Amino acid sequence: MTDSYLDVHIDDDVAVLTLNRPAKLNVMDVATRVRLAQTIRRFGTGDLVRGIVLTGTGRAFSAGEDLQAVPTTYDEIREAFATFHDITRAILETKVPVIAAVNGIAVGGASEITLCCDSRIGTPAAEYYQPENHRGIIISNASSFLMGRLVRNHAMRIILGSNRIGADEALRIGLLDEIVAPEALVHRAVEVIRQWNPDPRTTALHLGLLRPRPEDIEAAFTREDDAARQSWESGAFTEGIEGFWASKNAAPTAPAQSN
């Protein structure tokens, strides 16, 4: 079945949730984010499946927030943050393993969603990119807590420098747990879930012990919300988004440059 830009497929006893908007690199509008959190909660009880795989269609996992529908008021920013935060909350509340199958680039909020998953398996095309600090936007999804938990001091250069992190480096520093061939990606994620969840009764208990504490996640949400408010009030958010679109609109007429 298809919910907004989210496809849902059951692979025997594992739910595979696929972001499916490849023409726009699987960017997520508010409706898609809401449906994603709802779907994770639906399958996260452990009554229907043994686990959840989250992946994308085409060459991107997801380019994150849909900047075509960028917030124009602080209330809209709060809503945008709330819908991203709730995906993180939904994942961490599940009683089954959740694995991100990172098939390509993961940008901003989409990159941050993978941080709360129980594992991240990628292909050689997997790439992490946190552009927020250079766009006047604030990180979300409790990534202010989760990024450092996963990669320690690497979090500073990833966030402040907006460095693109390719698959090999992501594996080296702990953003990815494994790299597999593209055609094997979802199959491997499903295989790991089945290995990890032989008995849902004990697996759910271990997930509760190994995942971050809810109070730490909620505290990170609060800090990120406050930082987003300050970014908006200072004008950094508006200027950053305007600069992003100005550079993007100018790109087709600019002289070709090698990267």
C-alpha atoms as a PDB file:
ATOM      1  CA  MET A   1       0.000   0.000   0.000  1.00  0.00           C
ATOM      2  CA  THR A   2       1.091   3.634  -0.382  1.00  0.00           C
ATOM      3  CA  ASP A   3       0.714   6.393   2.211  1.00  0.00           C
ATOM      4  CA  SER A   4       1.632   9.805   0.787  1.00  0.00           C
ATOM      5  CA  TYR A   5       5.256   9.406  -0.328  1.00  0.00           C
ATOM      6  CA  LEU A   6       5.719   6.362   1.891  1.00  0.00           C
ATOM      7  CA  ASP A   7       5.466   2.809   0.558  1.00  0.00           C
ATOM      8  CA  VAL A   8       4.871  -0.046   2.995  1.00  0.00           C
ATOM      9  CA  HIS A   9       5.802  -3.641   2.208  1.00  0.00           C
ATOM     10  CA  ILE A  10       5.835  -6.662   4.500  1.00  0.00           C
ATOM     11  CA  ASP A  11       8.758  -8.994   3.860  1.00  0.00           C
ATOM     12  CA  ASP A  12       7.419 -12.103   5.596  1.00  0.00           C
ATOM     13  CA  ASP A  13       7.655 -10.798   9.181  1.00  0.00           C
ATOM     14  CA  VAL A  14       9.502  -7.483   8.696  1.00  0.00           C
ATOM     15  CA  ALA A  15       7.933  -4.151   7.678  1.00  0.00           C
ATOM     16  CA  VAL A  16       9.907  -2.325   4.983  1.00  0.00           C
ATOM     17  CA  LEU A  17       9.033   1.395   4.870  1.00  0.00           C
ATOM     18  CA  THR A  18      10.301   3.126   1.729  1.00  0.00           C
ATOM     19  CA  LEU A  19      10.390   6.870   1.172  1.00  0.00           C
ATOM     20  CA  ASN A  20       9.211   7.128  -2.424  1.00  0.00           C
ATOM     21  CA  ARG A  21       9.612  10.531  -4.029  1.00  0.00           C
ATOM     22  CA  PRO A  22      12.721   9.890  -6.130  1.00  0.00           C
ATOM     23  CA  ALA A  23      12.264  12.868  -8.470  1.00  0.00           C
ATOM     24  CA  LYS A  24      12.863  15.113  -5.441  1.00  0.00           C
ATOM     25  CA  LEU A  25      15.376  12.857  -3.672  1.00  0.00           C
ATOM     26  CA  ASN A  26      12.666  11.608  -1.310  1.00  0.00           C
ATOM     27  CA  VAL A  27      12.281  14.919   0.509  1.00  0.00           C
ATOM     28  CA  MET A  28       9.686  14.694   3.264  1.00  0.00           C
ATOM     29  CA  ASP A  29       6.814  17.136   3.561  1.00  0.00           C
ATOM     30  CA  VAL A  30       4.853  17.434   6.806  1.00  0.00           C
ATOM     31  CA  ALA A  31       2.225  14.889   5.707  1.00  0.00           C
ATOM     32  CA  THR A  32       4.867  12.283   4.941  1.00  0.00           C
ATOM     33  CA  ARG A  33       6.592  12.832   8.269  1.00  0.00           C
ATOM     34  CA  VAL A  34       3.317  12.453  10.150  1.00  0.00           C
ATOM     35  CA  ARG A  35       2.464   9.261   8.268  1.00  0.00           C
ATOM     36  CA  LEU A  36       5.945   7.878   8.838  1.00  0.00           C
ATOM     37  CA  ALA A  37       5.630   8.291  12.615  1.00  0.00           C
ATOM     38  CA  GLN A  38       2.140   6.759  12.544  1.00  0.00           C
ATOM     39  CA  THR A  39       3.321   3.778  10.512  1.00  0.00           C
ATOM     40  CA  ILE A  40       6.312   3.160  12.755  1.00  0.00           C
ATOM     41  CA  ARG A  41       3.996   3.119  15.766  1.00  0.00           C
ATOM     42  CA  ARG A  42       1.610   0.768  14.000  1.00  0.00           C
ATOM     43  CA  PHE A  43       4.314  -1.819  13.378  1.00  0.00           C
ATOM     44  CA  GLY A  44       6.401  -1.018  16.432  1.00  0.00           C
ATOM     45  CA  THR A  45       4.169  -2.829  18.918  1.00  0.00           C
ATOM     46  CA  GLY A  46       5.641  -6.200  17.983  1.00  0.00           C
ATOM     47  CA  ASP A  47       2.195  -7.662  17.339  1.00  0.00           C
ATOM     48  CA  LEU A  48       2.480  -7.590  13.541  1.00  0.00           C
ATOM     49  CA  VAL A  49       6.179  -7.843  12.647  1.00  0.00           C
ATOM     50  CA  ARG A  50       9.587  -8.648  14.129  1.00  0.00           C
ATOM     51  CA  GLY A  51      11.155  -5.395  13.012  1.00  0.00           C
ATOM     52  CA  ILE A  52      11.147  -2.353  10.744  1.00  0.00           C
ATOM     53  CA  VAL A  53      13.463  -1.374   7.888  1.00  0.00           C
ATOM     54  CA  LEU A  54      13.497   2.257   6.740  1.00  0.00           C
ATOM     55  CA  THR A  55      14.946   3.021   3.298  1.00  0.00           C
ATOM     56  CA  GLY A  56      14.555   5.205   0.209  1.00  0.00           C
ATOM     57  CA  THR A  57      13.859   4.856  -3.501  1.00  0.00           C
ATOM     58  CA  GLY A  58      16.378   5.767  -6.179  1.00  0.00           C
ATOM     59  CA  ARG A  59      19.687   7.480  -5.500  1.00  0.00           C
ATOM     60  CA  ALA A  60      18.781   9.073  -2.160  1.00  0.00           C
ATOM     61  CA  PHE A  61      17.752   7.832   1.237  1.00  0.00           C
ATOM     62  CA  SER A  62      16.168  11.260   1.677  1.00  0.00           C
ATOM     63  CA  ALA A  63      17.197  14.870   1.162  1.00  0.00           C
ATOM     64  CA  GLY A  64      15.384  15.723   4.393  1.00  0.00           C
ATOM     65  CA  GLU A  65      12.853  18.518   4.740  1.00  0.00           C
ATOM     66  CA  ASP A  66      11.008  19.702   1.653  1.00  0.00           C
ATOM     67  CA  LEU A  67      12.365  23.240   1.257  1.00  0.00           C
ATOM     68  CA  GLN A  68       9.718  23.950  -1.357  1.00  0.00           C
ATOM     69  CA  ALA A  69       7.369  24.129   1.626  1.00  0.00           C
ATOM     70  CA  VAL A  70       9.795  25.873   3.957  1.00  0.00           C
ATOM     71  CA  PRO A  71       8.294  27.408   7.131  1.00  0.00           C
ATOM     72  CA  THR A  72       7.504  31.095   6.848  1.00  0.00           C
ATOM     73  CA  THR A  73       6.500  31.699  10.477  1.00  0.00           C
ATOM     74  CA  TYR A  74       7.870  30.545  13.793  1.00  0.00           C
ATOM     75  CA  ASP A  75       4.705  28.473  14.389  1.00  0.00           C
ATOM     76  CA  GLU A  76       5.448  26.589  11.167  1.00  0.00           C
ATOM     77  CA  ILE A  77       9.016  25.996  12.334  1.00  0.00           C
ATOM     78  CA  ARG A  78       7.670  24.563  15.581  1.00  0.00           C
ATOM     79  CA  GLU A  79       5.384  22.248  13.599  1.00  0.00           C
ATOM     80  CA  ALA A  80       8.250  21.151  11.369  1.00  0.00           C
ATOM     81  CA  PHE A  81      10.432  20.383  14.379  1.00  0.00           C
ATOM     82  CA  ALA A  82       7.573  18.599  16.141  1.00  0.00           C
ATOM     83  CA  THR A  83       6.964  16.250  13.216  1.00  0.00           C
ATOM     84  CA  PHE A  84      10.660  15.389  12.925  1.00  0.00           C
ATOM     85  CA  HIS A  85      10.993  14.910  16.678  1.00  0.00           C
ATOM     86  CA  ASP A  86       7.988  12.606  16.686  1.00  0.00           C
ATOM     87  CA  ILE A  87       9.616  10.230  14.189  1.00  0.00           C
ATOM     88  CA  THR A  88      12.570   9.871  16.556  1.00  0.00           C
ATOM     89  CA  ARG A  89      10.200   9.378  19.475  1.00  0.00           C
ATOM     90  CA  ALA A  90       8.202   6.754  17.559  1.00  0.00           C
ATOM     91  CA  ILE A  91      11.328   4.769  16.645  1.00  0.00           C
ATOM     92  CA  LEU A  92      12.679   4.753  20.178  1.00  0.00           C
ATOM     93  CA  GLU A  93       9.315   3.648  21.570  1.00  0.00           C
ATOM     94  CA  THR A  94       9.110   0.531  19.379  1.00  0.00           C
ATOM     95  CA  LYS A  95       9.412  -2.937  20.865  1.00  0.00           C
ATOM     96  CA  VAL A  96      11.143  -4.258  17.736  1.00  0.00           C
ATOM     97  CA  PRO A  97      14.486  -3.462  16.091  1.00  0.00           C
ATOM     98  CA  VAL A  98      14.480  -0.595  13.589  1.00  0.00           C
ATOM     99  CA  ILE A  99      17.208  -0.531  10.937  1.00  0.00           C
ATOM    100  CA  ALA A 100      18.002   2.271   8.511  1.00  0.00           C
ATOM    101  CA  ALA A 101      18.973   0.882   5.098  1.00  0.00           C
ATOM    102  CA  VAL A 102      20.846   3.895   3.735  1.00  0.00           C
ATOM    103  CA  ASN A 103      20.764   3.516  -0.046  1.00  0.00           C
ATOM    104  CA  GLY A 104      22.161   6.957  -0.929  1.00  0.00           C
ATOM    105  CA  ILE A 105      22.553  10.470   0.410  1.00  0.00           C
ATOM    106  CA  ALA A 106      20.860  11.287   3.726  1.00  0.00           C
ATOM    107  CA  VAL A 107      20.532  15.013   4.349  1.00  0.00           C
ATOM    108  CA  GLY A 108      19.589  17.042   7.418  1.00  0.00           C
ATOM    109  CA  GLY A 109      16.520  15.724   9.183  1.00  0.00           C
ATOM    110  CA  ALA A 110      16.667  12.457   7.232  1.00  0.00           C
ATOM    111  CA  SER A 111      20.269  11.889   8.280  1.00  0.00           C
ATOM    112  CA  GLU A 112      19.215  12.614  11.845  1.00  0.00           C
ATOM    113  CA  ILE A 113      16.374  10.074  11.722  1.00  0.00           C
ATOM    114  CA  THR A 114      18.895   7.297  11.103  1.00  0.00           C
ATOM    115  CA  LEU A 115      20.791   8.199  14.286  1.00  0.00           C
ATOM    116  CA  CYS A 116      18.072   6.823  16.547  1.00  0.00           C
ATOM    117  CA  CYS A 117      17.718   3.577  14.595  1.00  0.00           C
ATOM    118  CA  ASP A 118      19.204   0.458  16.154  1.00  0.00           C
ATOM    119  CA  SER A 119      21.537  -0.058  13.194  1.00  0.00           C
ATOM    120  CA  ARG A 120      22.498   1.706   9.983  1.00  0.00           C
ATOM    121  CA  ILE A 121      23.448  -0.427   7.003  1.00  0.00           C
ATOM    122  CA  GLY A 122      24.533   1.346   3.832  1.00  0.00           C
ATOM    123  CA  THR A 123      25.660   0.849   0.272  1.00  0.00           C
ATOM    124  CA  PRO A 124      28.847   2.359  -1.218  1.00  0.00           C
ATOM    125  CA  ALA A 125      26.601   5.257  -2.342  1.00  0.00           C
ATOM    126  CA  ALA A 126      25.529   6.094   1.207  1.00  0.00           C
ATOM    127  CA  GLU A 127      26.456   9.625   2.231  1.00  0.00           C
ATOM    128  CA  TYR A 128      25.677  11.743   5.277  1.00  0.00           C
ATOM    129  CA  TYR A 129      25.289  15.507   4.996  1.00  0.00           C
ATOM    130  CA  GLN A 130      24.262  17.981   7.711  1.00  0.00           C
ATOM    131  CA  PRO A 131      24.021  21.386   5.973  1.00  0.00           C
ATOM    132  CA  GLU A 132      22.038  23.168   8.689  1.00  0.00           C
ATOM    133  CA  ASN A 133      24.831  25.262  10.158  1.00  0.00           C
ATOM    134  CA  HIS A 134      25.481  26.823   6.744  1.00  0.00           C
ATOM    135  CA  ARG A 135      21.789  27.420   6.067  1.00  0.00           C
ATOM    136  CA  GLY A 136      20.661  29.141   9.254  1.00  0.00           C
ATOM    137  CA  ILE A 137      18.729  26.020  10.277  1.00  0.00           C
ATOM    138  CA  ILE A 138      19.075  24.149  13.576  1.00  0.00           C
ATOM    139  CA  ILE A 139      19.617  20.405  13.856  1.00  0.00           C
ATOM    140  CA  SER A 140      16.674  18.391  15.215  1.00  0.00           C
ATOM    141  CA  ASN A 141      15.541  14.840  15.982  1.00  0.00           C
ATOM    142  CA  ALA A 142      17.615  14.848  19.201  1.00  0.00           C
ATOM    143  CA  SER A 143      20.702  14.702  16.986  1.00  0.00           C
ATOM    144  CA  SER A 144      22.371  17.152  19.370  1.00  0.00           C
ATOM    145  CA  PHE A 145      22.500  14.174  21.749  1.00  0.00           C
ATOM    146  CA  LEU A 146      22.502  11.196  19.382  1.00  0.00           C
ATOM    147  CA  MET A 147      25.266  12.304  17.017  1.00  0.00           C
ATOM    148  CA  GLY A 148      27.844  12.589  19.782  1.00  0.00           C
ATOM    149  CA  ARG A 149      26.641   9.316  21.294  1.00  0.00           C
ATOM    150  CA  LEU A 150      27.482   7.555  18.033  1.00  0.00           C
ATOM    151  CA  VAL A 151      30.586   9.340  16.763  1.00  0.00           C
ATOM    152  CA  ARG A 152      31.894  11.326  19.768  1.00  0.00           C
ATOM    153  CA  ASN A 153      34.190  14.214  18.727  1.00  0.00           C
ATOM    154  CA  HIS A 154      33.427  13.734  15.022  1.00  0.00           C
ATOM    155  CA  ALA A 155      30.033  15.335  15.704  1.00  0.00           C
ATOM    156  CA  MET A 156      31.568  18.837  15.807  1.00  0.00           C
ATOM    157  CA  ARG A 157      33.037  18.749  12.298  1.00  0.00           C
ATOM    158  CA  ILE A 158      29.996  16.972  10.863  1.00  0.00           C
ATOM    159  CA  ILE A 159      27.592  19.594  12.229  1.00  0.00           C
ATOM    160  CA  LEU A 160      29.652  22.784  12.261  1.00  0.00           C
ATOM    161  CA  GLY A 161      31.619  22.069   9.089  1.00  0.00           C
ATOM    162  CA  SER A 162      28.715  20.573   7.142  1.00  0.00           C
ATOM    163  CA  ASN A 163      31.166  18.007   5.789  1.00  0.00           C
ATOM    164  CA  ARG A 164      29.828  15.307   3.487  1.00  0.00           C
ATOM    165  CA  ILE A 165      30.621  11.913   4.970  1.00  0.00           C
ATOM    166  CA  GLY A 166      30.944   9.108   2.421  1.00  0.00           C
ATOM    167  CA  ALA A 167      30.193   5.477   3.112  1.00  0.00           C
ATOM    168  CA  ASP A 168      33.731   4.379   3.978  1.00  0.00           C
ATOM    169  CA  GLU A 169      34.267   7.215   6.437  1.00  0.00           C
ATOM    170  CA  ALA A 170      30.781   6.722   7.879  1.00  0.00           C
ATOM    171  CA  LEU A 171      31.695   3.093   8.559  1.00  0.00           C
ATOM    172  CA  ARG A 172      35.018   4.065  10.116  1.00  0.00           C
ATOM    173  CA  ILE A 173      33.557   6.583  12.567  1.00  0.00           C
ATOM    174  CA  GLY A 174      30.397   4.648  13.448  1.00  0.00           C
ATOM    175  CA  LEU A 175      27.655   6.323  11.416  1.00  0.00           C
ATOM    176  CA  LEU A 176      27.284   3.075   9.476  1.00  0.00           C
ATOM    177  CA  ASP A 177      27.598  -0.420  10.912  1.00  0.00           C
ATOM    178  CA  GLU A 178      28.032  -2.252   7.626  1.00  0.00           C
ATOM    179  CA  ILE A 179      28.339  -1.624   3.864  1.00  0.00           C
ATOM    180  CA  VAL A 180      26.764  -4.028   1.390  1.00  0.00           C
ATOM    181  CA  ALA A 181      26.010  -4.132  -2.315  1.00  0.00           C
ATOM    182  CA  PRO A 182      22.944  -2.095  -3.351  1.00  0.00           C
ATOM    183  CA  GLU A 183      20.986  -5.157  -4.439  1.00  0.00           C
ATOM    184  CA  ALA A 184      21.584  -6.793  -1.046  1.00  0.00           C
ATOM    185  CA  LEU A 185      20.744  -3.786   1.139  1.00  0.00           C
ATOM    186  CA  VAL A 186      17.160  -4.420   2.187  1.00  0.00           C
ATOM    187  CA  HIS A 187      17.682  -8.187   2.295  1.00  0.00           C
ATOM    188  CA  ARG A 188      20.619  -7.720   4.679  1.00  0.00           C
ATOM    189  CA  ALA A 189      18.638  -5.361   6.917  1.00  0.00           C
ATOM    190  CA  VAL A 190      15.777  -7.868   7.078  1.00  0.00           C
ATOM    191  CA  GLU A 191      18.261 -10.648   7.823  1.00  0.00           C
ATOM    192  CA  VAL A 192      19.783  -8.709  10.727  1.00  0.00           C
ATOM    193  CA  ILE A 193      16.356  -8.038  12.219  1.00  0.00           C
ATOM    194  CA  ARG A 194      15.532 -11.733  12.148  1.00  0.00           C
ATOM    195  CA  GLN A 195      18.872 -12.530  13.787  1.00  0.00           C
ATOM    196  CA  TRP A 196      18.333  -9.905  16.464  1.00  0.00           C
ATOM    197  CA  ASN A 197      14.756 -10.766  17.342  1.00  0.00           C
ATOM    198  CA  PRO A 198      14.445 -14.525  17.934  1.00  0.00           C
ATOM    199  CA  ASP A 199      12.188 -13.947  20.949  1.00  0.00           C
ATOM    200  CA  PRO A 200      10.238 -10.655  21.010  1.00  0.00           C
ATOM    201  CA  ARG A 201       9.800 -10.867  24.767  1.00  0.00           C
ATOM    202  CA  THR A 202      13.505 -10.537  25.562  1.00  0.00           C
ATOM    203  CA  THR A 203      14.422  -8.429  22.518  1.00  0.00           C
ATOM    204  CA  ALA A 204      11.978  -5.700  23.585  1.00  0.00           C
ATOM    205  CA  LEU A 205      13.529  -5.662  27.044  1.00  0.00           C
ATOM    206  CA  HIS A 206      17.046  -5.376  25.674  1.00  0.00           C
ATOM    207  CA  LEU A 207      16.022  -2.561  23.337  1.00  0.00           C
ATOM    208  CA  GLY A 208      14.748  -0.681  26.375  1.00  0.00           C
ATOM    209  CA  LEU A 209      18.070  -1.177  28.138  1.00  0.00           C
ATOM    210  CA  LEU A 210      20.327  -0.289  25.200  1.00  0.00           C
ATOM    211  CA  ARG A 211      18.524   2.649  23.640  1.00  0.00           C
ATOM    212  CA  PRO A 212      18.879   6.226  24.945  1.00  0.00           C
ATOM    213  CA  ARG A 213      16.728   7.121  27.915  1.00  0.00           C
ATOM    214  CA  PRO A 214      13.507   8.961  27.021  1.00  0.00           C
ATOM    215  CA  GLU A 215      14.349  11.827  29.376  1.00  0.00           C
ATOM    216  CA  ASP A 216      17.644  12.455  27.551  1.00  0.00           C
ATOM    217  CA  ILE A 217      15.850  12.533  24.199  1.00  0.00           C
ATOM    218  CA  GLU A 218      13.126  14.882  25.427  1.00  0.00           C
ATOM    219  CA  ALA A 219      15.743  17.206  26.944  1.00  0.00           C
ATOM    220  CA  ALA A 220      17.510  17.331  23.558  1.00  0.00           C
ATOM    221  CA  PHE A 221      14.211  18.166  21.839  1.00  0.00           C
ATOM    222  CA  THR A 222      13.688  21.077  24.226  1.00  0.00           C
ATOM    223  CA  ARG A 223      17.171  22.471  23.636  1.00  0.00           C
ATOM    224  CA  GLU A 224      16.818  22.142  19.864  1.00  0.00           C
ATOM    225  CA  ASP A 225      13.414  23.849  19.907  1.00  0.00           C
ATOM    226  CA  ASP A 226      14.869  26.748  21.871  1.00  0.00           C
ATOM    227  CA  ALA A 227      17.806  27.054  19.469  1.00  0.00           C
ATOM    228  CA  ALA A 228      15.387  27.044  16.518  1.00  0.00           C
ATOM    229  CA  ARG A 229      13.442  29.895  18.127  1.00  0.00           C
ATOM    230  CA  GLN A 230      16.637  31.904  18.557  1.00  0.00           C
ATOM    231  CA  SER A 231      17.659  31.230  14.949  1.00  0.00           C
ATOM    232  CA  TRP A 232      14.288  32.483  13.755  1.00  0.00           C
ATOM    233  CA  GLU A 233      14.314  35.582  15.951  1.00  0.00           C
ATOM    234  CA  SER A 234      17.838  36.533  14.850  1.00  0.00           C
ATOM    235  CA  GLY A 235      16.916  36.319  11.173  1.00  0.00           C
ATOM    236  CA  ALA A 236      19.494  33.599  10.515  1.00  0.00           C
ATOM    237  CA  PHE A 237      16.840  31.115   9.407  1.00  0.00           C
ATOM    238  CA  THR A 238      15.237  33.412   6.834  1.00  0.00           C
ATOM    239  CA  GLU A 239      18.575  34.613   5.468  1.00  0.00           C
ATOM    240  CA  GLY A 240      19.911  31.070   5.242  1.00  0.00           C
ATOM    241  CA  ILE A 241      16.933  29.771   3.284  1.00  0.00           C
ATOM    242  CA  GLU A 242      16.944  32.795   0.967  1.00  0.00           C
ATOM    243  CA  GLY A 243      20.649  32.242   0.343  1.00  0.00           C
ATOM    244  CA  PHE A 244      20.054  28.561  -0.398  1.00  0.00           C
ATOM    245  CA  TRP A 245      17.414  29.325  -3.039  1.00  0.00           C
ATOM    246  CA  ALA A 246      19.455  32.165  -4.532  1.00  0.00           C
ATOM    247  CA  SER A 247      22.434  29.873  -5.056  1.00  0.00           C
ATOM    248  CA  LYS A 248      20.239  27.062  -6.350  1.00  0.00           C
ATOM    249  CA  ASN A 249      18.405  29.291  -8.835  1.00  0.00           C
ATOM    250  CA  ALA A 250      21.674  30.769 -10.050  1.00  0.00           C
ATOM    251  CA  ALA A 251      23.317  27.370 -10.546  1.00  0.00           C
ATOM    252  CA  PRO A 252      21.959  26.596 -14.068  1.00  0.00           C
ATOM    253  CA  THR A 253      23.407  29.823 -15.513  1.00  0.00           C
ATOM    254  CA  ALA A 254      26.718  29.690 -13.691  1.00  0.00           C
ATOM    255  CA  PRO A 255      29.839  28.483 -15.548  1.00  0.00           C
ATOM    256  CA  ALA A 256      30.448  24.762 -15.200  1.00  0.00           C
ATOM    257  CA  GLN A 257      32.864  23.934 -12.416  1.00  0.00           C
ATOM    258  CA  SER A 258      34.597  20.719 -11.518  1.00  0.00           C
ATOM    259  CA  ASN A 259      34.130  19.376  -8.015  1.00  0.00           C
END
